[in-house]
Amino acid sequence: MEASGADNYPKFKAENTDVVGISANALFSQKAFVDFTKINYPLLSDREGKVMQAFGIYDTERRVAKRSYVIVDKDGVIRYLNIRPTNTGKDLVSTDELLSEVRKLNKR
């Protein structure tokens, strides 16, 4: 979700969808980010990058997550994976696009 994810979280919940953020940042960094952005969804700290490696979204050389959007269905199957070229704002996927993907999945 965009940096204004707090505003969009209810839209995902209305689609019976949980939102989770994952990064290699330490817990104190995660807390600062939550406090700054006022997001309501959980952020997970994957300091070793194991979860992100499993999803193929971890830059091991730089020890950071690649900006990515992953939608996993209720059976644990990845149904949408979008890895962005950079972590800058111009490469964010819109909330509308993500909600469209969620709605497609929910129709199955």
PDB file of N, CA and C in Angstrom:
ATOM      1  N   MET A   1       0.839  -1.181   0.000  1.00  0.00           N
ATOM      2  CA  MET A   1       0.000   0.000   0.000  1.00  0.00           C
ATOM      3  C   MET A   1       0.882   1.241   0.000  1.00  0.00           C
ATOM      4  N   GLU A   2       0.303   2.325  -0.421  1.00  0.00           N
ATOM      5  CA  GLU A   2       1.037   3.574  -0.418  1.00  0.00           C
ATOM      6  C   GLU A   2       1.371   3.985   1.017  1.00  0.00           C
ATOM      7  N   ALA A   3       2.228   5.000   1.135  1.00  0.00           N
ATOM      8  CA  ALA A   3       2.605   5.482   2.459  1.00  0.00           C
ATOM      9  C   ALA A   3       1.385   5.903   3.262  1.00  0.00           C
ATOM     10  N   SER A   4       0.304   6.277   2.565  1.00  0.00           N
ATOM     11  CA  SER A   4      -0.925   6.648   3.273  1.00  0.00           C
ATOM     12  C   SER A   4      -1.798   5.421   3.515  1.00  0.00           C
ATOM     13  N   GLY A   5      -1.146   4.293   3.761  1.00  0.00           N
ATOM     14  CA  GLY A   5      -1.834   3.020   3.929  1.00  0.00           C
ATOM     15  C   GLY A   5      -2.893   3.020   5.002  1.00  0.00           C
ATOM     16  N   ALA A   6      -2.750   3.869   6.013  1.00  0.00           N
ATOM     17  CA  ALA A   6      -3.739   3.910   7.085  1.00  0.00           C
ATOM     18  C   ALA A   6      -5.113   4.259   6.528  1.00  0.00           C
ATOM     19  N   ASP A   7      -5.154   5.113   5.522  1.00  0.00           N
ATOM     20  CA  ASP A   7      -6.418   5.507   4.916  1.00  0.00           C
ATOM     21  C   ASP A   7      -7.031   4.373   4.099  1.00  0.00           C
ATOM     22  N   ASN A   8      -6.202   3.494   3.572  1.00  0.00           N
ATOM     23  CA  ASN A   8      -6.661   2.449   2.674  1.00  0.00           C
ATOM     24  C   ASN A   8      -6.927   1.114   3.364  1.00  0.00           C
ATOM     25  N   TYR A   9      -6.442   0.938   4.550  1.00  0.00           N
ATOM     26  CA  TYR A   9      -6.596  -0.324   5.262  1.00  0.00           C
ATOM     27  C   TYR A   9      -8.049  -0.787   5.347  1.00  0.00           C
ATOM     28  N   PRO A  10      -8.999   0.092   5.685  1.00  0.00           N
ATOM     29  CA  PRO A  10     -10.406  -0.346   5.753  1.00  0.00           C
ATOM     30  C   PRO A  10     -10.928  -0.886   4.418  1.00  0.00           C
ATOM     31  N   LYS A  11     -10.398  -0.389   3.318  1.00  0.00           N
ATOM     32  CA  LYS A  11     -10.830  -0.878   2.003  1.00  0.00           C
ATOM     33  C   LYS A  11     -10.443  -2.345   1.831  1.00  0.00           C
ATOM     34  N   PHE A  12      -9.277  -2.711   2.305  1.00  0.00           N
ATOM     35  CA  PHE A  12      -8.837  -4.098   2.212  1.00  0.00           C
ATOM     36  C   PHE A  12      -9.611  -4.983   3.178  1.00  0.00           C
ATOM     37  N   LYS A  13      -9.850  -4.487   4.373  1.00  0.00           N
ATOM     38  CA  LYS A  13     -10.629  -5.252   5.356  1.00  0.00           C
ATOM     39  C   LYS A  13     -12.046  -5.501   4.828  1.00  0.00           C
ATOM     40  N   ALA A  14     -12.606  -4.537   4.116  1.00  0.00           N
ATOM     41  CA  ALA A  14     -13.941  -4.693   3.542  1.00  0.00           C
ATOM     42  C   ALA A  14     -13.970  -5.809   2.502  1.00  0.00           C
ATOM     43  N   GLU A  15     -12.821  -6.142   1.954  1.00  0.00           N
ATOM     44  CA  GLU A  15     -12.714  -7.232   0.977  1.00  0.00           C
ATOM     45  C   GLU A  15     -12.279  -8.533   1.642  1.00  0.00           C
ATOM     46  N   ASN A  16     -12.394  -8.592   2.963  1.00  0.00           N
ATOM     47  CA  ASN A  16     -12.014  -9.779   3.727  1.00  0.00           C
ATOM     48  C   ASN A  16     -10.541 -10.128   3.500  1.00  0.00           C
ATOM     49  N   THR A  17      -9.712  -9.106   3.537  1.00  0.00           N
ATOM     50  CA  THR A  17      -8.289  -9.248   3.234  1.00  0.00           C
ATOM     51  C   THR A  17      -7.450  -8.701   4.375  1.00  0.00           C
ATOM     52  N   ASP A  18      -6.458  -9.477   4.792  1.00  0.00           N
ATOM     53  CA  ASP A  18      -5.503  -9.001   5.786  1.00  0.00           C
ATOM     54  C   ASP A  18      -4.308  -8.378   5.072  1.00  0.00           C
ATOM     55  N   VAL A  19      -3.744  -7.362   5.668  1.00  0.00           N
ATOM     56  CA  VAL A  19      -2.569  -6.682   5.131  1.00  0.00           C
ATOM     57  C   VAL A  19      -1.441  -6.835   6.139  1.00  0.00           C
ATOM     58  N   VAL A  20      -0.261  -7.194   5.646  1.00  0.00           N
ATOM     59  CA  VAL A  20       0.920  -7.331   6.489  1.00  0.00           C
ATOM     60  C   VAL A  20       2.096  -6.736   5.731  1.00  0.00           C
ATOM     61  N   GLY A  21       2.912  -5.968   6.420  1.00  0.00           N
ATOM     62  CA  GLY A  21       4.147  -5.457   5.837  1.00  0.00           C
ATOM     63  C   GLY A  21       5.331  -6.237   6.391  1.00  0.00           C
ATOM     64  N   ILE A  22       6.330  -6.461   5.548  1.00  0.00           N
ATOM     65  CA  ILE A  22       7.536  -7.171   5.984  1.00  0.00           C
ATOM     66  C   ILE A  22       8.748  -6.402   5.490  1.00  0.00           C
ATOM     67  N   SER A  23       9.725  -6.227   6.363  1.00  0.00           N
ATOM     68  CA  SER A  23      10.986  -5.615   5.943  1.00  0.00           C
ATOM     69  C   SER A  23      12.125  -6.181   6.784  1.00  0.00           C
ATOM     70  N   ALA A  24      13.334  -5.858   6.379  1.00  0.00           N
ATOM     71  CA  ALA A  24      14.522  -6.304   7.108  1.00  0.00           C
ATOM     72  C   ALA A  24      14.892  -5.332   8.224  1.00  0.00           C
ATOM     73  N   ASN A  25      14.097  -4.299   8.410  1.00  0.00           N
ATOM     74  CA  ASN A  25      14.395  -3.305   9.435  1.00  0.00           C
ATOM     75  C   ASN A  25      14.192  -3.877  10.836  1.00  0.00           C
ATOM     76  N   ALA A  26      14.904  -3.307  11.771  1.00  0.00           N
ATOM     77  CA  ALA A  26      14.776  -3.689  13.172  1.00  0.00           C
ATOM     78  C   ALA A  26      13.424  -3.227  13.721  1.00  0.00           C
ATOM     79  N   LEU A  27      13.018  -3.824  14.821  1.00  0.00           N
ATOM     80  CA  LEU A  27      11.721  -3.493  15.411  1.00  0.00           C
ATOM     81  C   LEU A  27      11.579  -2.010  15.741  1.00  0.00           C
ATOM     82  N   PHE A  28      12.660  -1.374  16.229  1.00  0.00           N
ATOM     83  CA  PHE A  28      12.547   0.054  16.572  1.00  0.00           C
ATOM     84  C   PHE A  28      12.301   0.884  15.316  1.00  0.00           C
ATOM     85  N   SER A  29      12.868   0.473  14.184  1.00  0.00           N
ATOM     86  CA  SER A  29      12.613   1.169  12.924  1.00  0.00           C
ATOM     87  C   SER A  29      11.170   0.965  12.477  1.00  0.00           C
ATOM     88  N   GLN A  30      10.674  -0.248  12.662  1.00  0.00           N
ATOM     89  CA  GLN A  30       9.291  -0.533  12.319  1.00  0.00           C
ATOM     90  C   GLN A  30       8.344   0.350  13.144  1.00  0.00           C
ATOM     91  N   LYS A  31       8.630   0.451  14.437  1.00  0.00           N
ATOM     92  CA  LYS A  31       7.779   1.264  15.304  1.00  0.00           C
ATOM     93  C   LYS A  31       7.796   2.730  14.868  1.00  0.00           C
ATOM     94  N   ALA A  32       8.971   3.247  14.538  1.00  0.00           N
ATOM     95  CA  ALA A  32       9.068   4.636  14.082  1.00  0.00           C
ATOM     96  C   ALA A  32       8.258   4.834  12.802  1.00  0.00           C
ATOM     97  N   PHE A  33       8.317   3.856  11.899  1.00  0.00           N
ATOM     98  CA  PHE A  33       7.561   3.936  10.654  1.00  0.00           C
ATOM     99  C   PHE A  33       6.060   3.927  10.927  1.00  0.00           C
ATOM    100  N   VAL A  34       5.621   3.041  11.808  1.00  0.00           N
ATOM    101  CA  VAL A  34       4.205   2.968  12.172  1.00  0.00           C
ATOM    102  C   VAL A  34       3.752   4.283  12.797  1.00  0.00           C
ATOM    103  N   ASP A  35       4.559   4.817  13.703  1.00  0.00           N
ATOM    104  CA  ASP A  35       4.215   6.078  14.357  1.00  0.00           C
ATOM    105  C   ASP A  35       4.130   7.222  13.349  1.00  0.00           C
ATOM    106  N   PHE A  36       5.022   7.228  12.365  1.00  0.00           N
ATOM    107  CA  PHE A  36       5.063   8.294  11.362  1.00  0.00           C
ATOM    108  C   PHE A  36       3.901   8.186  10.381  1.00  0.00           C
ATOM    109  N   THR A  37       3.623   6.981   9.900  1.00  0.00           N
ATOM    110  CA  THR A  37       2.604   6.803   8.859  1.00  0.00           C
ATOM    111  C   THR A  37       1.209   6.533   9.403  1.00  0.00           C
ATOM    112  N   LYS A  38       1.128   6.185  10.691  1.00  0.00           N
ATOM    113  CA  LYS A  38      -0.160   5.893  11.346  1.00  0.00           C
ATOM    114  C   LYS A  38      -0.869   4.693  10.714  1.00  0.00           C
ATOM    115  N   ILE A  39      -0.101   3.718  10.249  1.00  0.00           N
ATOM    116  CA  ILE A  39      -0.729   2.538   9.666  1.00  0.00           C
ATOM    117  C   ILE A  39      -1.342   1.659  10.748  1.00  0.00           C
ATOM    118  N   ASN A  40      -2.331   0.883  10.345  1.00  0.00           N
ATOM    119  CA  ASN A  40      -3.062   0.041  11.290  1.00  0.00           C
ATOM    120  C   ASN A  40      -2.791  -1.442  11.117  1.00  0.00           C
ATOM    121  N   TYR A  41      -2.051  -1.804  10.094  1.00  0.00           N
ATOM    122  CA  TYR A  41      -1.773  -3.217   9.855  1.00  0.00           C
ATOM    123  C   TYR A  41      -0.413  -3.582  10.433  1.00  0.00           C
ATOM    124  N   PRO A  42      -0.188  -4.881  10.697  1.00  0.00           N
ATOM    125  CA  PRO A  42       1.078  -5.295  11.317  1.00  0.00           C
ATOM    126  C   PRO A  42       2.261  -5.208  10.363  1.00  0.00           C
ATOM    127  N   LEU A  43       3.399  -4.853  10.921  1.00  0.00           N
ATOM    128  CA  LEU A  43       4.666  -4.880  10.200  1.00  0.00           C
ATOM    129  C   LEU A  43       5.550  -5.932  10.849  1.00  0.00           C
ATOM    130  N   LEU A  44       6.095  -6.802  10.047  1.00  0.00           N
ATOM    131  CA  LEU A  44       6.960  -7.858  10.549  1.00  0.00           C
ATOM    132  C   LEU A  44       8.410  -7.526  10.246  1.00  0.00           C
ATOM    133  N   SER A  45       9.277  -7.816  11.185  1.00  0.00           N
ATOM    134  CA  SER A  45      10.705  -7.600  11.014  1.00  0.00           C
ATOM    135  C   SER A  45      11.369  -8.931  10.675  1.00  0.00           C
ATOM    136  N   ASP A  46      11.898  -9.022   9.470  1.00  0.00           N
ATOM    137  CA  ASP A  46      12.570 -10.230   8.985  1.00  0.00           C
ATOM    138  C   ASP A  46      14.062  -9.909   8.853  1.00  0.00           C
ATOM    139  N   ARG A  47      14.725  -9.769   9.992  1.00  0.00           N
ATOM    140  CA  ARG A  47      16.124  -9.325  10.024  1.00  0.00           C
ATOM    141  C   ARG A  47      17.058 -10.227   9.221  1.00  0.00           C
ATOM    142  N   GLU A  48      16.794 -11.508   9.194  1.00  0.00           N
ATOM    143  CA  GLU A  48      17.641 -12.447   8.448  1.00  0.00           C
ATOM    144  C   GLU A  48      17.226 -12.562   6.982  1.00  0.00           C
ATOM    145  N   GLY A  49      16.071 -12.038   6.645  1.00  0.00           N
ATOM    146  CA  GLY A  49      15.596 -12.078   5.272  1.00  0.00           C
ATOM    147  C   GLY A  49      15.051 -13.420   4.820  1.00  0.00           C
ATOM    148  N   LYS A  50      14.793 -14.321   5.751  1.00  0.00           N
ATOM    149  CA  LYS A  50      14.360 -15.678   5.384  1.00  0.00           C
ATOM    150  C   LYS A  50      12.993 -15.700   4.700  1.00  0.00           C
ATOM    151  N   VAL A  51      12.044 -14.968   5.242  1.00  0.00           N
ATOM    152  CA  VAL A  51      10.715 -14.931   4.633  1.00  0.00           C
ATOM    153  C   VAL A  51      10.790 -14.251   3.269  1.00  0.00           C
ATOM    154  N   MET A  52      11.501 -13.146   3.213  1.00  0.00           N
ATOM    155  CA  MET A  52      11.603 -12.412   1.954  1.00  0.00           C
ATOM    156  C   MET A  52      12.352 -13.224   0.895  1.00  0.00           C
ATOM    157  N   GLN A  53      13.343 -13.997   1.308  1.00  0.00           N
ATOM    158  CA  GLN A  53      14.029 -14.880   0.364  1.00  0.00           C
ATOM    159  C   GLN A  53      13.067 -15.929  -0.175  1.00  0.00           C
ATOM    160  N   ALA A  54      12.220 -16.462   0.681  1.00  0.00           N
ATOM    161  CA  ALA A  54      11.255 -17.471   0.258  1.00  0.00           C
ATOM    162  C   ALA A  54      10.305 -16.917  -0.803  1.00  0.00           C
ATOM    163  N   PHE A  55      10.002 -15.634  -0.721  1.00  0.00           N
ATOM    164  CA  PHE A  55       9.138 -14.986  -1.698  1.00  0.00           C
ATOM    165  C   PHE A  55       9.921 -14.457  -2.902  1.00  0.00           C
ATOM    166  N   GLY A  56      11.250 -14.511  -2.843  1.00  0.00           N
ATOM    167  CA  GLY A  56      12.078 -14.019  -3.945  1.00  0.00           C
ATOM    168  C   GLY A  56      12.144 -12.508  -4.024  1.00  0.00           C
ATOM    169  N   ILE A  57      11.974 -11.849  -2.884  1.00  0.00           N
ATOM    170  CA  ILE A  57      11.911 -10.386  -2.883  1.00  0.00           C
ATOM    171  C   ILE A  57      13.008  -9.756  -2.014  1.00  0.00           C
ATOM    172  N   TYR A  58      14.056 -10.514  -1.741  1.00  0.00           N
ATOM    173  CA  TYR A  58      15.110 -10.022  -0.848  1.00  0.00           C
ATOM    174  C   TYR A  58      16.389  -9.783  -1.641  1.00  0.00           C
ATOM    175  N   ASP A  59      16.932  -8.596  -1.522  1.00  0.00           N
ATOM    176  CA  ASP A  59      18.218  -8.254  -2.124  1.00  0.00           C
ATOM    177  C   ASP A  59      19.291  -8.606  -1.097  1.00  0.00           C
ATOM    178  N   THR A  60      19.882  -9.791  -1.238  1.00  0.00           N
ATOM    179  CA  THR A  60      20.827 -10.278  -0.234  1.00  0.00           C
ATOM    180  C   THR A  60      22.088  -9.438  -0.161  1.00  0.00           C
ATOM    181  N   GLU A  61      22.504  -8.879  -1.281  1.00  0.00           N
ATOM    182  CA  GLU A  61      23.716  -8.058  -1.293  1.00  0.00           C
ATOM    183  C   GLU A  61      23.539  -6.796  -0.457  1.00  0.00           C
ATOM    184  N   ARG A  62      22.391  -6.145  -0.619  1.00  0.00           N
ATOM    185  CA  ARG A  62      22.122  -4.898   0.112  1.00  0.00           C
ATOM    186  C   ARG A  62      21.380  -5.135   1.424  1.00  0.00           C
ATOM    187  N   ARG A  63      20.912  -6.381   1.646  1.00  0.00           N
ATOM    188  CA  ARG A  63      20.170  -6.756   2.850  1.00  0.00           C
ATOM    189  C   ARG A  63      18.906  -5.925   3.045  1.00  0.00           C
ATOM    190  N   VAL A  64      18.172  -5.757   1.953  1.00  0.00           N
ATOM    191  CA  VAL A  64      16.906  -5.025   1.988  1.00  0.00           C
ATOM    192  C   VAL A  64      15.868  -5.765   1.162  1.00  0.00           C
ATOM    193  N   ALA A  65      14.621  -5.492   1.471  1.00  0.00           N
ATOM    194  CA  ALA A  65      13.525  -6.041   0.668  1.00  0.00           C
ATOM    195  C   ALA A  65      13.375  -5.215  -0.592  1.00  0.00           C
ATOM    196  N   LYS A  66      13.055  -5.895  -1.673  1.00  0.00           N
ATOM    197  CA  LYS A  66      12.669  -5.193  -2.888  1.00  0.00           C
ATOM    198  C   LYS A  66      11.219  -4.769  -2.702  1.00  0.00           C
ATOM    199  N   ARG A  67      10.866  -3.579  -3.159  1.00  0.00           N
ATOM    200  CA  ARG A  67       9.479  -3.124  -3.047  1.00  0.00           C
ATOM    201  C   ARG A  67       8.615  -4.128  -3.796  1.00  0.00           C
ATOM    202  N   SER A  68       7.715  -4.775  -3.088  1.00  0.00           N
ATOM    203  CA  SER A  68       6.927  -5.845  -3.689  1.00  0.00           C
ATOM    204  C   SER A  68       5.521  -5.861  -3.123  1.00  0.00           C
ATOM    205  N   TYR A  69       4.639  -6.407  -3.920  1.00  0.00           N
ATOM    206  CA  TYR A  69       3.257  -6.609  -3.517  1.00  0.00           C
ATOM    207  C   TYR A  69       2.941  -8.073  -3.762  1.00  0.00           C
ATOM    208  N   VAL A  70       2.509  -8.747  -2.716  1.00  0.00           N
ATOM    209  CA  VAL A  70       2.231 -10.180  -2.797  1.00  0.00           C
ATOM    210  C   VAL A  70       0.824 -10.414  -2.260  1.00  0.00           C
ATOM    211  N   ILE A  71       0.034 -11.147  -3.028  1.00  0.00           N
ATOM    212  CA  ILE A  71      -1.287 -11.541  -2.550  1.00  0.00           C
ATOM    213  C   ILE A  71      -1.282 -13.058  -2.460  1.00  0.00           C
ATOM    214  N   VAL A  72      -1.554 -13.530  -1.256  1.00  0.00           N
ATOM    215  CA  VAL A  72      -1.570 -14.964  -0.968  1.00  0.00           C
ATOM    216  C   VAL A  72      -3.008 -15.359  -0.654  1.00  0.00           C
ATOM    217  N   ASP A  73      -3.470 -16.429  -1.280  1.00  0.00           N
ATOM    218  CA  ASP A  73      -4.854 -16.834  -1.018  1.00  0.00           C
ATOM    219  C   ASP A  73      -4.969 -17.571   0.316  1.00  0.00           C
ATOM    220  N   LYS A  74      -6.177 -17.921   0.685  1.00  0.00           N
ATOM    221  CA  LYS A  74      -6.422 -18.534   1.995  1.00  0.00           C
ATOM    222  C   LYS A  74      -5.762 -19.893   2.137  1.00  0.00           C
ATOM    223  N   ASP A  75      -5.349 -20.512   1.014  1.00  0.00           N
ATOM    224  CA  ASP A  75      -4.652 -21.799   1.057  1.00  0.00           C
ATOM    225  C   ASP A  75      -3.130 -21.642   1.053  1.00  0.00           C
ATOM    226  N   GLY A  76      -2.656 -20.392   1.100  1.00  0.00           N
ATOM    227  CA  GLY A  76      -1.221 -20.146   1.136  1.00  0.00           C
ATOM    228  C   GLY A  76      -0.548 -20.117  -0.221  1.00  0.00           C
ATOM    229  N   VAL A  77      -1.339 -20.020  -1.293  1.00  0.00           N
ATOM    230  CA  VAL A  77      -0.791 -19.981  -2.652  1.00  0.00           C
ATOM    231  C   VAL A  77      -0.638 -18.533  -3.096  1.00  0.00           C
ATOM    232  N   ILE A  78       0.542 -18.192  -3.609  1.00  0.00           N
ATOM    233  CA  ILE A  78       0.767 -16.838  -4.127  1.00  0.00           C
ATOM    234  C   ILE A  78      -0.039 -16.689  -5.415  1.00  0.00           C
ATOM    235  N   ARG A  79      -0.934 -15.719  -5.429  1.00  0.00           N
ATOM    236  CA  ARG A  79      -1.786 -15.466  -6.594  1.00  0.00           C
ATOM    237  C   ARG A  79      -1.404 -14.190  -7.333  1.00  0.00           C
ATOM    238  N   TYR A  80      -0.615 -13.353  -6.684  1.00  0.00           N
ATOM    239  CA  TYR A  80      -0.192 -12.090  -7.308  1.00  0.00           C
ATOM    240  C   TYR A  80       1.165 -11.743  -6.726  1.00  0.00           C
ATOM    241  N   LEU A  81       2.117 -11.455  -7.590  1.00  0.00           N
ATOM    242  CA  LEU A  81       3.451 -11.026  -7.164  1.00  0.00           C
ATOM    243  C   LEU A  81       3.912  -9.934  -8.107  1.00  0.00           C
ATOM    244  N   ASN A  82       4.165  -8.776  -7.560  1.00  0.00           N
ATOM    245  CA  ASN A  82       4.592  -7.635  -8.354  1.00  0.00           C
ATOM    246  C   ASN A  82       5.814  -7.032  -7.664  1.00  0.00           C
ATOM    247  N   ILE A  83       6.985  -7.257  -8.241  1.00  0.00           N
ATOM    248  CA  ILE A  83       8.235  -6.715  -7.702  1.00  0.00           C
ATOM    249  C   ILE A  83       8.559  -5.457  -8.487  1.00  0.00           C
ATOM    250  N   ARG A  84       8.686  -4.368  -7.778  1.00  0.00           N
ATOM    251  CA  ARG A  84       8.877  -3.061  -8.406  1.00  0.00           C
ATOM    252  C   ARG A  84      10.360  -2.783  -8.651  1.00  0.00           C
ATOM    253  N   PRO A  85      10.689  -1.959  -9.655  1.00  0.00           N
ATOM    254  CA  PRO A  85      12.088  -1.693  -9.984  1.00  0.00           C
ATOM    255  C   PRO A  85      12.839  -0.895  -8.921  1.00  0.00           C
ATOM    256  N   THR A  86      12.125  -0.056  -8.174  1.00  0.00           N
ATOM    257  CA  THR A  86      12.777   0.723  -7.109  1.00  0.00           C
ATOM    258  C   THR A  86      11.819   0.845  -5.934  1.00  0.00           C
ATOM    259  N   ASN A  87      12.313   1.388  -4.844  1.00  0.00           N
ATOM    260  CA  ASN A  87      11.488   1.638  -3.662  1.00  0.00           C
ATOM    261  C   ASN A  87      10.958   3.066  -3.624  1.00  0.00           C
ATOM    262  N   THR A  88      11.052   3.784  -4.732  1.00  0.00           N
ATOM    263  CA  THR A  88      10.611   5.177  -4.745  1.00  0.00           C
ATOM    264  C   THR A  88       9.110   5.272  -4.984  1.00  0.00           C
ATOM    265  N   GLY A  89       8.558   6.402  -4.638  1.00  0.00           N
ATOM    266  CA  GLY A  89       7.127   6.623  -4.765  1.00  0.00           C
ATOM    267  C   GLY A  89       6.585   6.409  -6.167  1.00  0.00           C
ATOM    268  N   LYS A  90       7.372   6.707  -7.185  1.00  0.00           N
ATOM    269  CA  LYS A  90       6.883   6.564  -8.554  1.00  0.00           C
ATOM    270  C   LYS A  90       6.637   5.103  -8.920  1.00  0.00           C
ATOM    271  N   ASP A  91       7.213   4.179  -8.165  1.00  0.00           N
ATOM    272  CA  ASP A  91       7.066   2.763  -8.456  1.00  0.00           C
ATOM    273  C   ASP A  91       6.069   2.041  -7.553  1.00  0.00           C
ATOM    274  N   LEU A  92       5.298   2.792  -6.794  1.00  0.00           N
ATOM    275  CA  LEU A  92       4.268   2.170  -5.962  1.00  0.00           C
ATOM    276  C   LEU A  92       3.119   1.677  -6.833  1.00  0.00           C
ATOM    277  N   VAL A  93       2.504   0.591  -6.432  1.00  0.00           N
ATOM    278  CA  VAL A  93       1.290   0.109  -7.085  1.00  0.00           C
ATOM    279  C   VAL A  93       0.118   0.779  -6.388  1.00  0.00           C
ATOM    280  N   SER A  94      -0.853   1.202  -7.163  1.00  0.00           N
ATOM    281  CA  SER A  94      -1.982   1.917  -6.573  1.00  0.00           C
ATOM    282  C   SER A  94      -2.867   0.977  -5.751  1.00  0.00           C
ATOM    283  N   THR A  95      -3.534   1.558  -4.792  1.00  0.00           N
ATOM    284  CA  THR A  95      -4.484   0.809  -3.982  1.00  0.00           C
ATOM    285  C   THR A  95      -5.584   0.230  -4.864  1.00  0.00           C
ATOM    286  N   ASP A  96      -6.031   1.008  -5.845  1.00  0.00           N
ATOM    287  CA  ASP A  96      -7.090   0.520  -6.732  1.00  0.00           C
ATOM    288  C   ASP A  96      -6.658  -0.729  -7.488  1.00  0.00           C
ATOM    289  N   GLU A  97      -5.419  -0.766  -7.963  1.00  0.00           N
ATOM    290  CA  GLU A  97      -4.930  -1.948  -8.680  1.00  0.00           C
ATOM    291  C   GLU A  97      -4.881  -3.158  -7.751  1.00  0.00           C
ATOM    292  N   LEU A  98      -4.388  -2.948  -6.541  1.00  0.00           N
ATOM    293  CA  LEU A  98      -4.315  -4.062  -5.591  1.00  0.00           C
ATOM    294  C   LEU A  98      -5.702  -4.561  -5.202  1.00  0.00           C
ATOM    295  N   LEU A  99      -6.621  -3.642  -4.982  1.00  0.00           N
ATOM    296  CA  LEU A  99      -7.991  -4.046  -4.648  1.00  0.00           C
ATOM    297  C   LEU A  99      -8.634  -4.800  -5.811  1.00  0.00           C
ATOM    298  N   SER A 100      -8.323  -4.413  -7.023  1.00  0.00           N
ATOM    299  CA  SER A 100      -8.834  -5.114  -8.193  1.00  0.00           C
ATOM    300  C   SER A 100      -8.334  -6.558  -8.204  1.00  0.00           C
ATOM    301  N   GLU A 101      -7.065  -6.759  -7.879  1.00  0.00           N
ATOM    302  CA  GLU A 101      -6.500  -8.107  -7.827  1.00  0.00           C
ATOM    303  C   GLU A 101      -7.144  -8.932  -6.709  1.00  0.00           C
ATOM    304  N   VAL A 102      -7.374  -8.296  -5.573  1.00  0.00           N
ATOM    305  CA  VAL A 102      -8.025  -8.983  -4.449  1.00  0.00           C
ATOM    306  C   VAL A 102      -9.442  -9.398  -4.846  1.00  0.00           C
ATOM    307  N   ARG A 103     -10.157  -8.515  -5.501  1.00  0.00           N
ATOM    308  CA  ARG A 103     -11.543  -8.830  -5.908  1.00  0.00           C
ATOM    309  C   ARG A 103     -11.566  -9.993  -6.903  1.00  0.00           C
ATOM    310  N   LYS A 104     -10.609 -10.018  -7.821  1.00  0.00           N
ATOM    311  CA  LYS A 104     -10.516 -11.146  -8.762  1.00  0.00           C
ATOM    312  C   LYS A 104     -10.329 -12.453  -8.003  1.00  0.00           C
ATOM    313  N   LEU A 105      -9.448 -12.424  -7.033  1.00  0.00           N
ATOM    314  CA  LEU A 105      -9.164 -13.623  -6.238  1.00  0.00           C
ATOM    315  C   LEU A 105     -10.394 -14.027  -5.426  1.00  0.00           C
ATOM    316  N   ASN A 106     -11.093 -13.062  -4.875  1.00  0.00           N
ATOM    317  CA  ASN A 106     -12.263 -13.357  -4.051  1.00  0.00           C
ATOM    318  C   ASN A 106     -13.418 -13.936  -4.863  1.00  0.00           C
ATOM    319  N   LYS A 107     -13.416 -13.722  -6.166  1.00  0.00           N
ATOM    320  CA  LYS A 107     -14.482 -14.260  -7.025  1.00  0.00           C
ATOM    321  C   LYS A 107     -14.283 -15.735  -7.343  1.00  0.00           C
ATOM    322  N   ARG A 108     -13.100 -16.261  -7.064  1.00  0.00           N
ATOM    323  CA  ARG A 108     -12.811 -17.668  -7.367  1.00  0.00           C
ATOM    324  C   ARG A 108     -13.639 -18.599  -6.534  1.00  0.00           C
TER     325      ARG A 108
END
